[in-house]
Amino acid sequence: MKRTILFGLIVLGVLLAACAAPAAAPQPTAAPAQPTTAAAQPTSAAKATGEPIKIGIIAAMSGTNAVLGDWMKKGVTLAVDEKNAAGGIHGRPIQIVSYDDEADPTKSVGLAQKVATDDKVVAVWATSNSNTALADIPIFAQYKIPQLTNGTNTDITNKGSAYVFRACPAGPAYETPLVDFLVKTKGFKKFAIITDTSAYGKGEADYQEAALKADGLQALARESYGIDDKDFTGQLTRILQTNPEVLLFGGSEVASGLIAKQARQLGFKGQMAGGSAIATPKFAETAGSDVVEGVYATAPYLTNDLNDMTKAFAARYKAKWNEDAEVHGANTYDGTQMLLMAMDAAYPNETGEAIAAAFHKISGYKGLQGTFNVQSNGETIDKTQLGVWKGGKLIPYSGQ
């Protein structure tokens, strides 16, 4: 499928940031090079040399959420390696420095300070989790460093920072269409919610409740658990006493997989559904193929087989990492492509201010997840797709 890229860059002036945030920097005066699509291969340009330009990754790389940091690092690294093979940023290589925050906000803030002052990064992926991303926002706003994240909590872009960018849709884009489908298309009326206590989990459950309310319904039960919990018998027992038709998930891949398995073991025979975490191979691996059969999930990237672009990306991802790509690898790859476009546009002014200003001007970029248009608050894309687990694979829902 032919993909095009429209990359608008306003040369004179800049947008003023939200009142609580530092102002974005002036637009770079040099015209940007035409960006590549997400499916493009590295060119035959000379390998990048010279003084490296540093970008950071802060993510959960150990603990329950370790898979999120792993996916983030792989998506970012693939994009950076391809860029370096094609000549880097006007001949300068990009260097990645990465750290494990263990999904701990206190540790994440310390690492944010470190990459900003000691490592002197010009941009950073921070982080793989909403609670740590939220904690880091003031640090990167203070040092005027672009902060990319795939955390979905809406508060991330409501803080007024001119330096934060979300590389995937915000939480309501997952939960609202999911609930609407279950209510209006499938006719379900009795829902229960189970979620963790993180900013991600609480946010997803809040968006689910808001969607139910908009459809004239109310959850029969809402149960919470700690992000590292493994036994959900108590919560599920209370939920099953309300006789729900649908169980909605709001937590991590691993916890949701365990919950799905335990719910079936306790006799729940109803529908299960959730957002992006439920659209991952880790959820299916944890729950088991028999348990996930028929489970609905929403995500901006459901399958590697969607089109020529996703197939090409998946082939390169598989060749590099010897595993199949999934939604988090795709959205971090998309986000890094846009970051590299902004870095090219800002050159030779490789400061966080100039890069953030250029990032804000990206419009019409065709990526793996769809078309990106960067908004003043740092949102970039707002559409998801509905998928269903069939035969051990997540496939787009086709009405059957």
Protein backbone atom coordinates (compact mmCIF):
# COMPACT_ATOMS: atom_id res chain seq x y z
CA MET A 1 0.00 0.00 0.00
CA LYS A 2 1.37 3.33 -0.98
CA ARG A 3 1.97 5.60 1.98
CA THR A 4 2.59 9.30 1.82
CA ILE A 5 3.93 11.75 4.32
CA LEU A 6 2.91 15.30 4.76
CA PHE A 7 5.26 17.04 7.14
CA GLY A 8 4.41 20.70 7.62
CA LEU A 9 6.96 23.02 9.22
CA ILE A 10 6.03 26.64 10.00
CA VAL A 11 9.25 28.65 9.85
CA LEU A 12 8.23 31.91 11.53
CA GLY A 13 7.08 31.92 15.13
CA VAL A 14 6.09 29.23 17.59
CA LEU A 15 3.04 28.13 19.47
CA LEU A 16 2.90 29.34 23.06
CA ALA A 17 2.79 26.47 25.53
CA ALA A 18 -0.03 26.02 28.02
CA CYS A 19 0.04 28.64 30.76
CA ALA A 20 1.71 26.35 33.31
CA ALA A 21 4.45 25.11 30.98
CA PRO A 22 7.66 26.57 29.56
CA ALA A 23 7.26 28.07 26.12
CA ALA A 24 8.22 25.97 23.14
CA ALA A 25 11.38 27.03 21.36
CA PRO A 26 11.45 28.94 18.07
CA GLN A 27 11.04 26.77 14.99
CA PRO A 28 14.30 25.78 13.33
CA THR A 29 14.93 27.93 10.28
CA ALA A 30 16.39 25.13 8.15
CA ALA A 31 13.87 23.20 6.06
CA PRO A 32 13.63 19.54 7.13
CA ALA A 33 14.62 16.68 4.91
CA GLN A 34 11.66 14.72 3.55
CA PRO A 35 10.93 12.08 6.23
CA THR A 36 10.69 8.38 5.43
CA THR A 37 7.68 6.21 6.12
CA ALA A 38 7.62 3.67 8.89
CA ALA A 39 8.07 0.91 6.33
CA ALA A 40 11.13 2.38 4.63
CA GLN A 41 14.45 0.57 4.67
CA PRO A 42 17.70 2.31 5.61
CA THR A 43 19.33 4.00 2.64
CA SER A 44 22.85 3.45 1.38
CA ALA A 45 24.12 6.67 2.99
CA ALA A 46 27.45 6.52 4.78
CA LYS A 47 27.33 5.25 8.32
CA ALA A 48 26.93 8.02 10.90
CA THR A 49 30.15 9.24 12.53
CA GLY A 50 31.20 12.09 14.76
CA GLU A 51 29.92 13.24 18.13
CA PRO A 52 26.88 11.16 19.19
CA ILE A 53 23.54 12.77 19.94
CA LYS A 54 22.09 11.12 23.05
CA ILE A 55 18.50 10.10 23.67
CA GLY A 56 17.32 8.25 26.78
CA ILE A 57 15.00 5.42 27.71
CA ILE A 58 13.56 5.14 31.21
CA ALA A 59 11.23 2.17 31.56
CA ALA A 60 10.25 -0.81 33.67
CA MET A 61 12.79 -3.45 32.68
CA SER A 62 12.35 -5.68 35.72
CA GLY A 63 9.39 -6.76 37.84
CA THR A 64 5.81 -7.39 36.76
CA ASN A 65 5.95 -4.72 34.04
CA ALA A 66 9.35 -5.72 32.64
CA VAL A 67 7.87 -6.73 29.31
CA LEU A 68 6.80 -3.11 28.72
CA GLY A 69 10.36 -1.85 29.05
CA ASP A 70 11.63 -4.64 26.84
CA TRP A 71 9.14 -3.78 24.09
CA MET A 72 9.93 -0.09 24.39
CA LYS A 73 13.68 -0.60 24.13
CA LYS A 74 13.30 -2.88 21.09
CA GLY A 75 11.02 -0.51 19.19
CA VAL A 76 13.21 2.52 19.86
CA THR A 77 16.46 0.69 19.14
CA LEU A 78 15.23 -0.65 15.80
CA ALA A 79 14.31 2.86 14.62
CA VAL A 80 17.59 4.36 15.85
CA ASP A 81 19.75 1.61 14.33
CA GLU A 82 18.04 2.11 10.98
CA LYS A 83 18.58 5.86 11.19
CA ASN A 84 22.25 5.44 12.06
CA ALA A 85 22.72 3.01 9.18
CA ALA A 86 21.26 5.69 6.88
CA GLY A 87 23.67 8.37 8.10
CA GLY A 88 22.21 9.47 11.43
CA ILE A 89 21.26 13.09 12.00
CA HIS A 90 23.17 14.87 9.23
CA GLY A 91 26.07 12.47 9.77
CA ARG A 92 25.95 12.36 13.57
CA PRO A 93 24.98 9.03 15.18
CA ILE A 94 22.23 8.72 17.77
CA GLN A 95 23.26 7.02 21.01
CA ILE A 96 20.74 5.45 23.40
CA VAL A 97 21.22 5.42 27.16
CA SER A 98 18.67 3.30 29.02
CA TYR A 99 17.69 2.75 32.64
CA ASP A 100 15.32 0.52 34.60
CA ASP A 101 12.92 2.41 36.87
CA GLU A 102 11.09 -0.78 37.94
CA ALA A 103 7.80 1.14 37.44
CA ASP A 104 8.66 3.01 40.65
CA PRO A 105 7.87 6.76 40.47
CA THR A 106 10.53 7.73 43.03
CA LYS A 107 13.25 5.82 41.20
CA SER A 108 12.01 7.16 37.87
CA VAL A 109 12.31 10.78 39.01
CA GLY A 110 15.89 10.17 40.10
CA LEU A 111 16.72 8.67 36.73
CA ALA A 112 14.99 11.56 34.94
CA GLN A 113 17.28 13.95 36.78
CA LYS A 114 20.28 11.82 35.84
CA VAL A 115 19.60 11.66 32.09
CA ALA A 116 18.85 15.38 32.02
CA THR A 117 22.00 16.51 33.84
CA ASP A 118 24.65 13.76 33.67
CA ASP A 119 23.82 12.13 30.34
CA LYS A 120 22.69 15.37 28.71
CA VAL A 121 20.13 13.74 26.46
CA VAL A 122 18.25 15.85 23.93
CA ALA A 123 15.09 13.71 24.21
CA VAL A 124 13.90 10.75 26.27
CA TRP A 125 11.37 7.94 26.26
CA ALA A 126 9.91 8.19 29.76
CA THR A 127 8.24 6.01 30.50
CA SER A 128 6.55 2.67 29.79
CA ASN A 129 4.04 3.24 32.63
CA SER A 130 1.59 6.06 33.26
CA ASN A 131 2.43 6.54 36.95
CA THR A 132 6.15 7.00 36.29
CA ALA A 133 5.55 9.10 33.18
CA LEU A 134 3.43 11.46 35.27
CA ALA A 135 6.10 11.69 37.95
CA ASP A 136 8.80 12.60 35.41
CA ILE A 137 6.93 15.38 33.62
CA PRO A 138 8.13 18.28 35.85
CA ILE A 139 11.78 17.24 35.44
CA PHE A 140 11.74 17.22 31.66
CA ALA A 141 9.66 20.40 31.50
CA GLN A 142 12.24 22.10 33.75
CA TYR A 143 15.16 21.05 31.54
CA LYS A 144 13.19 21.56 28.30
CA ILE A 145 13.73 17.99 27.10
CA PRO A 146 11.11 16.27 24.89
CA GLN A 147 9.53 13.36 26.78
CA LEU A 148 7.87 10.58 24.78
CA THR A 149 5.65 7.97 26.40
CA ASN A 150 3.14 5.27 25.58
CA GLY A 151 1.40 5.63 28.93
CA THR A 152 -2.33 6.08 28.35
CA ASN A 153 -3.54 8.07 31.38
CA THR A 154 -5.13 11.32 30.18
CA ASP A 155 -3.44 13.33 32.94
CA ILE A 156 -0.12 12.98 31.08
CA THR A 157 -1.11 15.54 28.45
CA ASN A 158 -3.29 17.57 30.81
CA LYS A 159 -0.34 18.81 32.89
CA GLY A 160 0.39 21.71 30.54
CA SER A 161 3.91 20.69 29.53
CA ALA A 162 5.10 21.71 26.07
CA TYR A 163 7.62 18.85 26.17
CA VAL A 164 5.51 15.71 26.58
CA PHE A 165 4.30 13.63 23.61
CA ARG A 166 2.15 10.50 23.65
CA ALA A 167 2.96 7.99 20.88
CA CYS A 168 -0.32 6.10 21.14
CA PRO A 169 -3.96 7.02 21.81
CA ALA A 170 -5.05 8.08 25.30
CA GLY A 171 -7.09 5.69 27.44
CA PRO A 172 -10.63 6.71 26.42
CA ALA A 173 -9.82 5.79 22.80
CA TYR A 174 -9.48 2.19 23.96
CA GLU A 175 -12.30 1.90 26.47
CA THR A 176 -15.11 4.01 25.00
CA PRO A 177 -15.43 2.15 21.66
CA LEU A 178 -14.97 -1.17 23.45
CA VAL A 179 -17.83 -0.53 25.87
CA ASP A 180 -20.01 0.91 23.11
CA PHE A 181 -19.47 -2.22 21.02
CA LEU A 182 -20.29 -4.54 23.91
CA VAL A 183 -23.44 -2.59 24.79
CA LYS A 184 -24.79 -1.48 21.42
CA THR A 185 -23.68 -4.33 19.17
CA LYS A 186 -23.55 -7.29 21.54
CA GLY A 187 -26.38 -6.18 23.81
CA PHE A 188 -24.63 -6.71 27.17
CA LYS A 189 -25.96 -4.78 30.16
CA LYS A 190 -24.26 -6.28 33.21
CA PHE A 191 -20.59 -5.31 33.59
CA ALA A 192 -17.92 -5.71 36.27
CA ILE A 193 -14.47 -4.11 36.32
CA ILE A 194 -11.20 -5.39 37.79
CA THR A 195 -8.10 -3.21 37.67
CA ASP A 196 -4.83 -2.45 39.41
CA THR A 197 -4.11 0.61 41.54
CA SER A 198 -1.60 2.26 39.17
CA ALA A 199 -2.36 5.43 37.22
CA TYR A 200 -2.84 3.25 34.15
CA GLY A 201 -5.23 0.82 35.83
CA LYS A 202 -7.29 3.43 37.66
CA GLY A 203 -7.47 5.51 34.50
CA GLU A 204 -8.71 2.64 32.32
CA ALA A 205 -11.36 1.71 34.87
CA ASP A 206 -12.48 5.33 35.09
CA TYR A 207 -12.82 5.51 31.30
CA GLN A 208 -14.78 2.25 31.31
CA GLU A 209 -17.16 3.58 33.96
CA ALA A 210 -17.59 6.84 32.05
CA ALA A 211 -18.42 4.91 28.86
CA LEU A 212 -20.93 2.76 30.71
CA LYS A 213 -22.55 5.86 32.19
CA ALA A 214 -22.83 7.42 28.73
CA ASP A 215 -24.66 4.26 27.63
CA GLY A 216 -27.05 4.49 30.59
CA LEU A 217 -25.38 1.74 32.62
CA GLN A 218 -23.35 1.34 35.81
CA ALA A 219 -20.79 -1.31 36.71
CA LEU A 220 -22.12 -3.94 39.09
CA ALA A 221 -18.71 -4.09 40.78
CA ARG A 222 -15.27 -2.51 40.57
CA GLU A 223 -12.45 -4.36 42.27
CA SER A 224 -8.80 -3.30 42.61
CA TYR A 225 -5.49 -5.06 43.30
CA GLY A 226 -1.79 -4.22 43.69
CA ILE A 227 0.32 -4.25 40.55
CA ASP A 228 2.44 -7.18 41.77
CA ASP A 229 -0.46 -9.32 43.05
CA LYS A 230 -0.84 -12.85 41.72
CA ASP A 231 -3.92 -14.20 43.51
CA PHE A 232 -7.24 -12.53 42.67
CA THR A 233 -9.61 -15.04 44.25
CA GLY A 234 -11.11 -12.57 46.71
CA GLN A 235 -11.83 -9.88 44.13
CA LEU A 236 -13.19 -12.35 41.60
CA THR A 237 -15.41 -14.05 44.18
CA ARG A 238 -17.03 -10.73 45.03
CA ILE A 239 -17.43 -9.90 41.34
CA LEU A 240 -19.02 -13.26 40.48
CA GLN A 241 -21.59 -12.78 43.25
CA THR A 242 -23.03 -9.90 41.17
CA ASN A 243 -23.57 -12.22 38.14
CA PRO A 244 -21.95 -10.02 35.47
CA GLU A 245 -22.19 -10.80 31.78
CA VAL A 246 -18.90 -9.02 31.01
CA LEU A 247 -15.62 -8.74 32.91
CA LEU A 248 -13.57 -5.67 31.91
CA PHE A 249 -9.81 -5.58 32.56
CA GLY A 250 -7.85 -2.46 33.45
CA GLY A 251 -4.45 -3.75 34.57
CA SER A 252 -1.22 -5.10 33.15
CA GLU A 253 -0.70 -7.92 30.66
CA VAL A 254 0.51 -10.41 33.27
CA ALA A 255 -2.08 -9.61 35.93
CA SER A 256 -4.94 -9.56 33.42
CA GLY A 257 -3.82 -12.92 32.05
CA LEU A 258 -3.80 -14.41 35.53
CA ILE A 259 -7.21 -12.88 36.27
CA ALA A 260 -8.69 -14.32 33.08
CA LYS A 261 -7.38 -17.78 33.95
CA GLN A 262 -8.57 -17.60 37.56
CA ALA A 263 -11.98 -16.25 36.54
CA ARG A 264 -12.55 -19.27 34.31
CA GLN A 265 -11.35 -21.59 37.06
CA LEU A 266 -13.91 -20.02 39.41
CA GLY A 267 -16.68 -20.70 36.90
CA PHE A 268 -17.10 -17.40 35.06
CA LYS A 269 -18.44 -18.20 31.60
CA GLY A 270 -19.18 -14.68 30.39
CA GLN A 271 -17.43 -12.28 28.03
CA MET A 272 -14.00 -10.80 28.86
CA ALA A 273 -12.57 -7.64 27.29
CA GLY A 274 -10.06 -4.86 27.74
CA GLY A 275 -7.75 -2.30 26.20
CA SER A 276 -4.16 -2.36 24.97
CA ALA A 277 -2.74 -4.76 27.56
CA ILE A 278 -5.26 -7.39 26.46
CA ALA A 279 -4.07 -7.00 22.86
CA THR A 280 -0.59 -8.38 23.58
CA PRO A 281 0.99 -11.82 23.26
CA LYS A 282 2.00 -11.63 26.94
CA PHE A 283 -1.65 -11.56 27.99
CA ALA A 284 -2.42 -14.59 25.82
CA GLU A 285 0.69 -16.44 26.99
CA THR A 286 -0.20 -15.85 30.64
CA ALA A 287 -3.88 -16.71 30.35
CA GLY A 288 -3.54 -19.64 27.95
CA SER A 289 -4.92 -20.02 24.43
CA ASP A 290 -8.13 -21.72 25.57
CA VAL A 291 -8.89 -18.92 28.06
CA VAL A 292 -8.30 -16.02 25.63
CA GLU A 293 -10.44 -17.48 22.86
CA GLY A 294 -13.17 -14.95 22.06
CA VAL A 295 -11.78 -12.18 24.30
CA TYR A 296 -12.18 -8.68 22.79
CA ALA A 297 -9.38 -6.09 22.87
CA THR A 298 -8.82 -2.62 21.46
CA ALA A 299 -5.48 -1.28 20.23
CA PRO A 300 -4.11 1.03 17.53
CA TYR A 301 -2.04 -1.86 16.16
CA LEU A 302 -3.73 -5.25 16.18
CA THR A 303 -1.77 -7.36 13.74
CA ASN A 304 1.45 -7.39 11.76
CA ASP A 305 -0.52 -8.49 8.70
CA LEU A 306 -2.62 -5.33 8.36
CA ASN A 307 -0.89 -3.87 5.29
CA ASP A 308 2.40 -3.66 3.40
CA MET A 309 3.85 -1.20 5.89
CA THR A 310 3.15 -3.34 8.96
CA LYS A 311 4.41 -6.46 7.18
CA ALA A 312 7.69 -4.77 6.29
CA PHE A 313 8.13 -3.46 9.84
CA ALA A 314 7.33 -6.87 11.32
CA ALA A 315 9.89 -8.56 9.07
CA ARG A 316 12.64 -6.16 10.18
CA TYR A 317 11.62 -6.46 13.82
CA LYS A 318 11.67 -10.26 13.61
CA ALA A 319 15.04 -10.26 11.87
CA LYS A 320 16.57 -8.09 14.60
CA TRP A 321 14.94 -9.50 17.73
CA ASN A 322 13.85 -13.02 16.70
CA GLU A 323 10.32 -12.40 17.96
CA ASP A 324 7.09 -11.06 16.53
CA ALA A 325 6.32 -7.37 16.84
CA GLU A 326 3.28 -6.23 18.83
CA VAL A 327 1.54 -2.98 19.69
CA HIS A 328 4.13 -1.51 22.10
CA GLY A 329 7.04 -2.15 19.77
CA ALA A 330 5.00 -0.55 17.00
CA ASN A 331 4.05 2.59 18.90
CA THR A 332 7.56 3.19 20.21
CA TYR A 333 8.87 2.73 16.66
CA ASP A 334 6.28 5.26 15.41
CA GLY A 335 7.16 7.72 18.15
CA THR A 336 10.88 7.39 17.51
CA GLN A 337 10.36 7.97 13.79
CA MET A 338 8.64 11.26 14.62
CA LEU A 339 11.39 12.17 17.08
CA LEU A 340 14.02 11.56 14.39
CA MET A 341 12.02 13.71 11.97
CA ALA A 342 11.99 16.50 14.55
CA MET A 343 15.73 16.11 15.18
CA ASP A 344 16.41 16.36 11.44
CA ALA A 345 14.24 19.48 11.25
CA ALA A 346 15.95 21.11 14.23
CA TYR A 347 19.49 20.48 12.99
CA PRO A 348 21.99 22.03 13.61
CA ASN A 349 20.21 23.29 16.73
CA GLU A 350 20.07 19.94 18.54
CA THR A 351 18.55 21.29 21.73
CA GLY A 352 15.49 19.96 23.49
CA GLU A 353 13.70 23.24 22.85
CA ALA A 354 14.28 23.17 19.11
CA ILE A 355 13.41 19.47 18.83
CA ALA A 356 10.18 19.92 20.81
CA ALA A 357 9.21 22.88 18.62
CA ALA A 358 9.76 20.81 15.48
CA PHE A 359 7.87 17.86 16.94
CA HIS A 360 4.84 20.05 17.52
CA LYS A 361 4.69 20.80 13.78
CA ILE A 362 4.38 17.17 12.62
CA SER A 363 1.15 16.66 10.73
CA GLY A 364 -0.13 13.92 8.45
CA TYR A 365 2.62 11.43 9.26
CA LYS A 366 1.61 7.95 8.10
CA GLY A 367 2.83 5.45 10.68
CA LEU A 368 2.18 1.87 11.69
CA GLN A 369 -0.76 2.85 13.91
CA GLY A 370 -2.34 5.27 11.44
CA THR A 371 -2.03 8.98 10.66
CA PHE A 372 -0.36 11.19 13.26
CA ASN A 373 -1.17 14.86 13.81
CA VAL A 374 0.62 16.36 16.79
CA GLN A 375 -1.63 18.52 18.95
CA SER A 376 -0.60 21.43 21.16
CA ASN A 377 -0.92 19.27 24.30
CA GLY A 378 1.28 16.48 22.89
CA GLU A 379 -1.41 14.04 21.76
CA THR A 380 -0.58 12.54 18.37
CA ILE A 381 -3.21 9.95 17.40
CA ASP A 382 -6.69 9.10 18.70
CA LYS A 383 -8.01 5.98 16.95
CA THR A 384 -8.00 2.31 17.96
CA GLN A 385 -9.28 -0.85 16.33
CA LEU A 386 -11.35 -3.68 17.74
CA GLY A 387 -9.80 -7.12 17.79
CA VAL A 388 -10.76 -10.59 19.00
CA TRP A 389 -8.62 -13.55 20.02
CA LYS A 390 -9.19 -16.49 17.68
CA GLY A 391 -7.08 -19.62 17.43
CA GLY A 392 -4.32 -18.10 19.54
CA LYS A 393 -4.08 -14.93 17.43
CA LEU A 394 -5.51 -11.45 17.79
CA ILE A 395 -7.33 -10.57 14.59
CA PRO A 396 -9.42 -7.54 13.55
CA TYR A 397 -13.08 -8.05 14.45
CA SER A 398 -15.08 -8.67 11.29
CA GLY A 399 -18.58 -8.90 12.69
CA GLN A 400 -18.56 -12.61 13.42
